[in-house]
N, C-alpha and C. Protein backbone atom coordinates (compact mmCIF):
# COMPACT_ATOMS: atom_id res chain seq x y z
N MET A 1 -24.66 56.50 -108.26
CA MET A 1 -24.76 57.30 -109.47
C MET A 1 -24.26 56.46 -110.65
N SER A 2 -24.94 56.53 -111.74
CA SER A 2 -24.56 55.79 -112.94
C SER A 2 -23.47 56.53 -113.69
N LYS A 3 -22.65 55.75 -114.36
CA LYS A 3 -21.57 56.31 -115.15
C LYS A 3 -21.59 55.69 -116.53
N VAL A 4 -21.12 56.44 -117.51
CA VAL A 4 -20.86 55.90 -118.84
C VAL A 4 -19.45 56.31 -119.24
N THR A 5 -18.83 55.48 -120.04
CA THR A 5 -17.50 55.78 -120.55
C THR A 5 -17.57 55.76 -122.06
N LEU A 6 -17.22 56.89 -122.65
CA LEU A 6 -17.16 57.03 -124.10
C LEU A 6 -15.80 57.63 -124.44
N ASN A 7 -15.11 57.05 -125.41
CA ASN A 7 -13.82 57.57 -125.83
C ASN A 7 -12.86 57.69 -124.64
N ASN A 8 -12.90 56.72 -123.75
CA ASN A 8 -12.06 56.67 -122.54
C ASN A 8 -12.32 57.82 -121.57
N ILE A 9 -13.46 58.45 -121.66
CA ILE A 9 -13.85 59.52 -120.74
C ILE A 9 -15.07 59.03 -119.97
N THR A 10 -14.92 58.93 -118.66
CA THR A 10 -16.01 58.46 -117.81
C THR A 10 -16.77 59.66 -117.26
N VAL A 11 -18.08 59.58 -117.38
CA VAL A 11 -18.95 60.69 -116.97
C VAL A 11 -19.97 60.17 -115.96
N ASP A 12 -20.11 60.89 -114.85
CA ASP A 12 -21.17 60.60 -113.89
C ASP A 12 -22.46 61.20 -114.44
N LEU A 13 -23.44 60.36 -114.69
CA LEU A 13 -24.69 60.83 -115.28
C LEU A 13 -25.57 61.51 -114.24
N THR A 14 -26.21 62.57 -114.66
CA THR A 14 -27.25 63.16 -113.82
C THR A 14 -28.46 62.25 -113.89
N HIS A 15 -29.34 62.37 -112.92
CA HIS A 15 -30.53 61.53 -112.92
C HIS A 15 -31.37 61.74 -114.20
N PRO A 16 -31.61 63.00 -114.62
CA PRO A 16 -32.40 63.19 -115.85
C PRO A 16 -31.74 62.57 -117.09
N LEU A 17 -30.42 62.66 -117.17
CA LEU A 17 -29.73 62.09 -118.33
C LEU A 17 -29.80 60.56 -118.29
N ARG A 18 -29.65 59.98 -117.12
CA ARG A 18 -29.79 58.53 -116.98
C ARG A 18 -31.20 58.10 -117.37
N ARG A 19 -32.21 58.85 -116.93
CA ARG A 19 -33.60 58.54 -117.29
C ARG A 19 -33.80 58.62 -118.80
N SER A 20 -33.17 59.59 -119.45
CA SER A 20 -33.29 59.71 -120.91
C SER A 20 -32.71 58.49 -121.60
N ILE A 21 -31.58 58.00 -121.12
CA ILE A 21 -30.97 56.81 -121.72
C ILE A 21 -31.84 55.58 -121.49
N ILE A 22 -32.42 55.47 -120.31
CA ILE A 22 -33.34 54.36 -120.04
C ILE A 22 -34.57 54.47 -120.93
N GLU A 23 -35.08 55.67 -121.11
CA GLU A 23 -36.23 55.87 -122.00
C GLU A 23 -35.87 55.49 -123.43
N LEU A 24 -34.68 55.87 -123.88
CA LEU A 24 -34.21 55.49 -125.21
C LEU A 24 -34.17 53.97 -125.32
N SER A 25 -33.65 53.31 -124.31
CA SER A 25 -33.60 51.85 -124.29
C SER A 25 -35.00 51.25 -124.41
N ASN A 26 -35.94 51.80 -123.68
CA ASN A 26 -37.32 51.30 -123.73
C ASN A 26 -37.94 51.52 -125.11
N VAL A 27 -37.67 52.66 -125.72
CA VAL A 27 -38.21 52.95 -127.06
C VAL A 27 -37.61 51.98 -128.08
N VAL A 28 -36.30 51.76 -128.00
CA VAL A 28 -35.65 50.83 -128.93
C VAL A 28 -36.19 49.41 -128.74
N GLU A 29 -36.36 49.01 -127.50
CA GLU A 29 -36.91 47.67 -127.22
C GLU A 29 -38.33 47.53 -127.77
N ALA A 30 -39.15 48.55 -127.57
CA ALA A 30 -40.52 48.52 -128.08
C ALA A 30 -40.53 48.48 -129.60
N ALA A 31 -39.65 49.26 -130.23
CA ALA A 31 -39.58 49.27 -131.69
C ALA A 31 -39.12 47.92 -132.23
N ALA A 32 -38.21 47.28 -131.53
CA ALA A 32 -37.70 45.98 -131.97
C ALA A 32 -38.79 44.91 -131.91
N LYS A 33 -39.73 45.06 -131.00
CA LYS A 33 -40.81 44.08 -130.86
C LYS A 33 -41.94 44.29 -131.87
N ARG A 34 -41.95 45.45 -132.52
CA ARG A 34 -42.99 45.70 -133.51
C ARG A 34 -42.77 44.83 -134.73
N GLN A 35 -43.80 44.68 -135.49
CA GLN A 35 -43.68 43.92 -136.73
C GLN A 35 -42.74 44.64 -137.67
N SER A 36 -41.96 43.89 -138.40
CA SER A 36 -40.93 44.48 -139.26
C SER A 36 -41.51 45.29 -140.42
N ASP A 37 -42.77 45.08 -140.77
CA ASP A 37 -43.34 45.83 -141.89
C ASP A 37 -43.89 47.19 -141.47
N LEU A 38 -43.90 47.47 -140.18
CA LEU A 38 -44.38 48.77 -139.73
C LEU A 38 -43.33 49.84 -139.97
N VAL A 39 -43.77 51.01 -140.32
CA VAL A 39 -42.85 52.12 -140.56
C VAL A 39 -42.45 52.72 -139.22
N TRP A 40 -41.18 52.94 -139.05
CA TRP A 40 -40.66 53.52 -137.81
C TRP A 40 -40.03 54.87 -138.14
N ASP A 41 -40.25 55.85 -137.31
CA ASP A 41 -39.72 57.19 -137.54
C ASP A 41 -38.26 57.26 -137.08
N HIS A 42 -37.35 56.95 -138.01
CA HIS A 42 -35.93 56.96 -137.67
C HIS A 42 -35.45 58.36 -137.33
N GLY A 43 -36.01 59.36 -137.98
CA GLY A 43 -35.61 60.74 -137.70
C GLY A 43 -35.89 61.13 -136.27
N LEU A 44 -37.04 60.75 -135.77
CA LEU A 44 -37.40 61.06 -134.39
C LEU A 44 -36.46 60.34 -133.41
N LEU A 45 -36.15 59.10 -133.71
CA LEU A 45 -35.24 58.34 -132.86
C LEU A 45 -33.83 58.95 -132.89
N ASN A 46 -33.37 59.33 -134.07
CA ASN A 46 -32.06 59.98 -134.18
C ASN A 46 -32.04 61.30 -133.43
N ASP A 47 -33.13 62.06 -133.50
CA ASP A 47 -33.22 63.32 -132.76
C ASP A 47 -33.11 63.08 -131.26
N PHE A 48 -33.72 62.01 -130.79
CA PHE A 48 -33.67 61.67 -129.37
C PHE A 48 -32.23 61.37 -128.94
N VAL A 49 -31.52 60.59 -129.76
CA VAL A 49 -30.12 60.28 -129.45
C VAL A 49 -29.28 61.55 -129.48
N CYS A 50 -29.53 62.41 -130.46
CA CYS A 50 -28.78 63.67 -130.55
C CYS A 50 -29.05 64.56 -129.33
N LYS A 51 -30.26 64.57 -128.85
CA LYS A 51 -30.60 65.34 -127.64
C LYS A 51 -29.79 64.82 -126.45
N ILE A 52 -29.71 63.52 -126.32
CA ILE A 52 -28.91 62.92 -125.25
C ILE A 52 -27.44 63.28 -125.42
N ALA A 53 -26.95 63.25 -126.66
CA ALA A 53 -25.55 63.59 -126.92
C ALA A 53 -25.24 65.03 -126.52
N VAL A 54 -26.16 65.95 -126.82
CA VAL A 54 -25.97 67.35 -126.44
C VAL A 54 -25.92 67.49 -124.92
N GLU A 55 -26.82 66.82 -124.23
CA GLU A 55 -26.83 66.88 -122.76
C GLU A 55 -25.56 66.27 -122.19
N LEU A 56 -25.10 65.20 -122.78
CA LEU A 56 -23.88 64.55 -122.33
C LEU A 56 -22.68 65.47 -122.54
N LEU A 57 -22.61 66.11 -123.70
CA LEU A 57 -21.51 67.03 -123.98
C LEU A 57 -21.53 68.23 -123.03
N GLU A 58 -22.71 68.75 -122.73
CA GLU A 58 -22.82 69.84 -121.76
C GLU A 58 -22.29 69.41 -120.40
N LEU A 59 -22.62 68.20 -119.99
CA LEU A 59 -22.15 67.67 -118.71
C LEU A 59 -20.63 67.53 -118.70
N VAL A 60 -20.07 67.00 -119.78
CA VAL A 60 -18.62 66.84 -119.88
C VAL A 60 -17.94 68.21 -119.86
N THR A 61 -18.51 69.17 -120.57
CA THR A 61 -17.94 70.52 -120.62
C THR A 61 -17.91 71.15 -119.23
N GLN A 62 -18.94 70.90 -118.43
CA GLN A 62 -19.00 71.47 -117.09
C GLN A 62 -18.08 70.76 -116.11
N GLU A 63 -17.94 69.45 -116.23
CA GLU A 63 -17.27 68.68 -115.19
C GLU A 63 -15.87 68.20 -115.53
N LYS A 64 -15.50 68.24 -116.78
CA LYS A 64 -14.20 67.71 -117.18
C LYS A 64 -13.31 68.83 -117.72
N SER A 65 -12.09 68.47 -118.04
CA SER A 65 -11.14 69.45 -118.58
C SER A 65 -11.51 69.85 -120.00
N TYR A 66 -10.89 70.91 -120.46
CA TYR A 66 -11.12 71.38 -121.83
C TYR A 66 -10.72 70.29 -122.83
N LEU A 67 -9.60 69.62 -122.57
CA LEU A 67 -9.14 68.55 -123.46
C LEU A 67 -10.16 67.42 -123.53
N GLU A 68 -10.68 66.99 -122.38
CA GLU A 68 -11.67 65.91 -122.37
C GLU A 68 -12.95 66.33 -123.08
N ALA A 69 -13.35 67.58 -122.89
CA ALA A 69 -14.55 68.08 -123.57
C ALA A 69 -14.33 68.10 -125.08
N THR A 70 -13.14 68.50 -125.50
CA THR A 70 -12.82 68.53 -126.93
C THR A 70 -12.80 67.11 -127.51
N LEU A 71 -12.20 66.18 -126.78
CA LEU A 71 -12.18 64.79 -127.23
C LEU A 71 -13.59 64.21 -127.32
N MET A 72 -14.43 64.53 -126.34
CA MET A 72 -15.81 64.04 -126.36
C MET A 72 -16.58 64.64 -127.53
N ARG A 73 -16.38 65.93 -127.77
CA ARG A 73 -17.05 66.59 -128.90
C ARG A 73 -16.67 65.90 -130.21
N GLY A 74 -15.38 65.63 -130.38
CA GLY A 74 -14.92 64.94 -131.59
C GLY A 74 -15.53 63.55 -131.71
N TYR A 75 -15.57 62.83 -130.61
CA TYR A 75 -16.16 61.49 -130.61
C TYR A 75 -17.63 61.55 -131.00
N LEU A 76 -18.37 62.46 -130.37
CA LEU A 76 -19.81 62.55 -130.65
C LEU A 76 -20.07 63.01 -132.08
N ASN A 77 -19.22 63.87 -132.62
CA ASN A 77 -19.39 64.33 -134.00
C ASN A 77 -19.11 63.23 -135.02
N ASN A 78 -18.25 62.29 -134.66
CA ASN A 78 -17.82 61.27 -135.62
C ASN A 78 -18.46 59.90 -135.41
N THR A 79 -19.36 59.78 -134.46
CA THR A 79 -20.01 58.51 -134.18
C THR A 79 -21.44 58.54 -134.70
N ASN A 80 -21.85 57.49 -135.41
CA ASN A 80 -23.23 57.48 -135.89
C ASN A 80 -24.18 57.18 -134.74
N THR A 81 -25.44 57.52 -134.93
CA THR A 81 -26.41 57.43 -133.84
C THR A 81 -26.63 56.00 -133.36
N ALA A 82 -26.58 55.02 -134.26
CA ALA A 82 -26.77 53.63 -133.83
C ALA A 82 -25.64 53.19 -132.90
N ASP A 83 -24.40 53.55 -133.25
CA ASP A 83 -23.26 53.20 -132.39
C ASP A 83 -23.36 53.89 -131.04
N LEU A 84 -23.71 55.17 -131.06
CA LEU A 84 -23.82 55.92 -129.81
C LEU A 84 -24.95 55.35 -128.95
N ALA A 85 -26.08 55.07 -129.58
CA ALA A 85 -27.20 54.49 -128.83
C ALA A 85 -26.78 53.17 -128.19
N PHE A 86 -26.09 52.32 -128.94
CA PHE A 86 -25.66 51.04 -128.37
C PHE A 86 -24.70 51.25 -127.21
N GLU A 87 -23.73 52.14 -127.38
CA GLU A 87 -22.77 52.40 -126.30
C GLU A 87 -23.47 52.87 -125.03
N LEU A 88 -24.39 53.79 -125.18
CA LEU A 88 -25.10 54.32 -124.01
C LEU A 88 -26.01 53.28 -123.38
N ILE A 89 -26.81 52.63 -124.21
CA ILE A 89 -27.77 51.65 -123.70
C ILE A 89 -27.05 50.46 -123.06
N SER A 90 -26.00 49.97 -123.70
CA SER A 90 -25.32 48.78 -123.18
C SER A 90 -24.63 49.03 -121.85
N GLN A 91 -24.27 50.28 -121.58
CA GLN A 91 -23.64 50.58 -120.30
C GLN A 91 -24.67 50.76 -119.18
N ILE A 92 -25.90 51.08 -119.55
CA ILE A 92 -26.98 51.19 -118.57
C ILE A 92 -27.70 49.85 -118.44
N ARG A 93 -27.87 49.17 -119.58
CA ARG A 93 -28.54 47.86 -119.61
C ARG A 93 -27.61 46.85 -120.27
N PRO A 94 -26.84 46.12 -119.49
CA PRO A 94 -25.87 45.18 -120.06
C PRO A 94 -26.48 44.10 -120.95
N ASP A 95 -27.79 43.89 -120.88
CA ASP A 95 -28.43 42.87 -121.72
C ASP A 95 -28.76 43.37 -123.12
N ALA A 96 -28.40 44.61 -123.43
CA ALA A 96 -28.70 45.17 -124.76
C ALA A 96 -28.01 44.33 -125.84
N TYR A 97 -28.67 44.24 -126.98
CA TYR A 97 -28.18 43.41 -128.07
C TYR A 97 -27.97 44.28 -129.29
N ASP A 98 -26.73 44.45 -129.71
CA ASP A 98 -26.34 45.37 -130.77
C ASP A 98 -27.12 45.18 -132.08
N PRO A 99 -27.28 43.96 -132.62
CA PRO A 99 -28.02 43.83 -133.88
C PRO A 99 -29.46 44.33 -133.80
N VAL A 100 -30.09 44.16 -132.66
CA VAL A 100 -31.46 44.65 -132.50
C VAL A 100 -31.47 46.17 -132.58
N ILE A 101 -30.54 46.80 -131.90
CA ILE A 101 -30.46 48.27 -131.92
C ILE A 101 -30.20 48.75 -133.34
N ARG A 102 -29.29 48.10 -134.06
CA ARG A 102 -28.98 48.51 -135.44
C ARG A 102 -30.21 48.35 -136.35
N ARG A 103 -30.97 47.28 -136.14
CA ARG A 103 -32.17 47.07 -136.96
C ARG A 103 -33.17 48.20 -136.72
N VAL A 104 -33.34 48.59 -135.47
CA VAL A 104 -34.28 49.66 -135.13
C VAL A 104 -33.83 50.98 -135.76
N PHE A 105 -32.52 51.21 -135.82
CA PHE A 105 -32.01 52.45 -136.39
C PHE A 105 -31.90 52.39 -137.91
N GLY A 106 -32.32 51.29 -138.50
CA GLY A 106 -32.34 51.22 -139.95
C GLY A 106 -31.12 50.57 -140.56
N GLY A 107 -30.21 50.08 -139.75
CA GLY A 107 -29.03 49.40 -140.26
C GLY A 107 -29.29 47.93 -140.44
N SER A 108 -28.28 47.23 -140.86
CA SER A 108 -28.42 45.78 -141.00
C SER A 108 -27.97 45.11 -139.72
N GLU A 109 -28.42 43.88 -139.54
CA GLU A 109 -28.04 43.12 -138.33
C GLU A 109 -26.69 42.49 -138.51
């Protein structure tokens, strides 16, 4: 079973949640390979990351203590989507490259 650790809280991922993170990784990789002048729907990508965050929070709420769920909620509320995407992707795919992810999310490298 795959695990991710965010804010010092380790979560055992369900298979569907792991698949969502892998799909996010594939989308980010595909977007990074596109020509830089193409328009990318950042809103759709952010929505995808937010969907994963909601599923992750639901999992933490079910499996962890109230304190850990509260800490995770605070972390997810205060982390931007590019940082969260990098944290999730890099723990599933160690070869992930932060500047590429930031470029795809509209940030600078």
